[in-house]
Protein backbone atom coordinates (compact mmCIF):
# COMPACT_ATOMS: atom_id res chain seq x y z
CA UNK A 1 -12.88 7.81 3.58
CA UNK A 2 -12.85 5.11 0.71
CA UNK A 3 -10.43 6.16 -2.09
CA UNK A 4 -11.97 6.36 -5.67
CA UNK A 5 -8.75 5.66 -7.31
CA UNK A 6 -7.03 3.08 -5.00
CA UNK A 7 -8.89 -0.22 -5.17
CA UNK A 8 -6.45 -2.11 -2.70
CA UNK A 9 -2.98 -2.28 -1.40
CA UNK A 10 -0.65 -4.91 0.02
CA UNK A 11 2.82 -4.59 1.60
CA UNK A 12 5.65 -7.24 1.84
CA UNK A 13 7.73 -6.32 4.98
CA UNK A 14 10.52 -8.56 3.84
CA UNK A 15 11.11 -6.67 0.57
CA UNK A 16 9.71 -3.50 1.63
CA UNK A 17 7.51 -3.21 -1.55
CA UNK A 18 4.12 -1.66 -1.11
CA UNK A 19 1.86 -3.00 -3.99
CA UNK A 20 -0.92 -0.53 -5.06
CA UNK A 21 -3.95 -1.62 -7.35
CA UNK A 22 -5.35 1.51 -8.81
CA UNK A 23 -8.59 1.48 -11.00
CA UNK A 24 -6.61 0.63 -14.27
CA UNK A 25 -3.06 -0.31 -13.14
CA UNK A 26 -1.10 -1.92 -10.45
CA UNK A 27 2.21 -0.28 -9.25
CA UNK A 28 4.94 -1.45 -6.91
CA UNK A 29 6.55 1.20 -4.68
CA UNK A 30 10.00 0.18 -3.62
CA UNK A 31 11.96 0.44 -0.28
CA UNK A 32 8.89 1.82 1.64
CA UNK A 33 9.53 1.71 5.39
CA UNK A 34 7.01 -0.12 7.74
CA UNK A 35 6.41 3.01 9.53
CA UNK A 36 4.86 4.68 6.36
CA UNK A 37 2.52 1.67 5.87
CA UNK A 38 1.37 1.76 9.53
CA UNK A 39 0.33 5.47 8.75
CA UNK A 40 -0.91 4.62 5.15
CA UNK A 41 -3.32 1.97 6.71
CA UNK A 42 -4.57 4.28 9.42
CA UNK A 43 -4.87 7.37 7.35
CA UNK A 44 -8.52 8.53 6.98
CA UNK A 45 -8.13 9.61 3.28
CA UNK A 46 -6.16 7.01 1.72
CA UNK A 47 -5.81 8.83 -1.60
CA UNK A 48 -4.65 12.05 0.06
CA UNK A 49 -2.18 10.43 2.24
CA UNK A 50 -0.70 8.44 -0.77
CA UNK A 51 -0.33 11.53 -2.83
CA UNK A 52 1.24 13.54 -0.34
CA UNK A 53 3.54 10.90 1.39
CA UNK A 54 4.18 8.16 -1.16
CA UNK A 55 3.73 9.21 -4.53
CA UNK A 56 6.83 10.85 -5.91
CA UNK A 57 8.63 9.81 -2.55
CA UNK A 58 9.60 6.27 -3.42
CA UNK A 59 11.07 4.58 -6.66
CA UNK A 60 7.99 2.51 -8.35
CA UNK A 61 7.40 0.35 -11.30
CA UNK A 62 4.60 -0.87 -13.19
CA UNK A 63 3.71 -4.38 -12.02
CA UNK A 64 3.85 -6.88 -14.92
CA UNK A 65 0.36 -7.55 -16.28
CA UNK A 66 -1.57 -10.27 -14.85
CA UNK A 67 0.68 -10.36 -11.69
CA UNK A 68 -1.17 -11.41 -8.45
CA UNK A 69 0.42 -10.55 -5.26
CA UNK A 70 0.65 -13.40 -2.79
CA UNK A 71 -2.01 -11.70 -0.71
CA UNK A 72 -3.94 -8.74 -1.84
CA UNK A 73 -5.71 -8.13 1.45
CA UNK A 74 -5.86 -4.42 2.25
CA UNK A 75 -8.99 -3.15 0.46
CA UNK A 76 -9.91 0.52 1.03
CA UNK A 77 -13.23 -0.37 2.08
CA UNK A 78 -12.24 -2.69 4.87
CA UNK A 79 -11.25 -0.50 7.71
CA UNK A 80 -11.55 -3.40 10.43
CA UNK A 81 -8.34 -4.98 9.05
CA UNK A 82 -5.83 -4.95 11.72
CA UNK A 83 -2.97 -2.55 11.19
CA UNK A 84 0.62 -3.96 10.80
CA UNK A 85 2.53 -3.03 13.86
CA UNK A 86 6.02 -1.68 13.48
CA UNK A 87 7.38 -4.45 15.62
CA UNK A 88 5.95 -6.99 13.34
CA UNK A 89 7.09 -5.52 10.32
CA UNK A 90 10.60 -5.06 11.46
CA UNK A 91 10.88 -8.67 13.21
């Protein structure tokens, strides 16, 4: 189910930073474990999962205005995107 608030998200397994682009703002959630990203990517309702499992569970910061992630590849409307495997994220 597409989210009406989350436009896209990206995860850097090296820094464990989850970048989330909402309709109006871009936030970075810090020290998010790879297992959480696997579950987030496979969740049917991204917004519901985000609100119950990520929001208020991890430190976050507002990304600097105009900052572009090195790869903003996960769009909510692209369910065919291969999921990040735990082994690949840890390796």
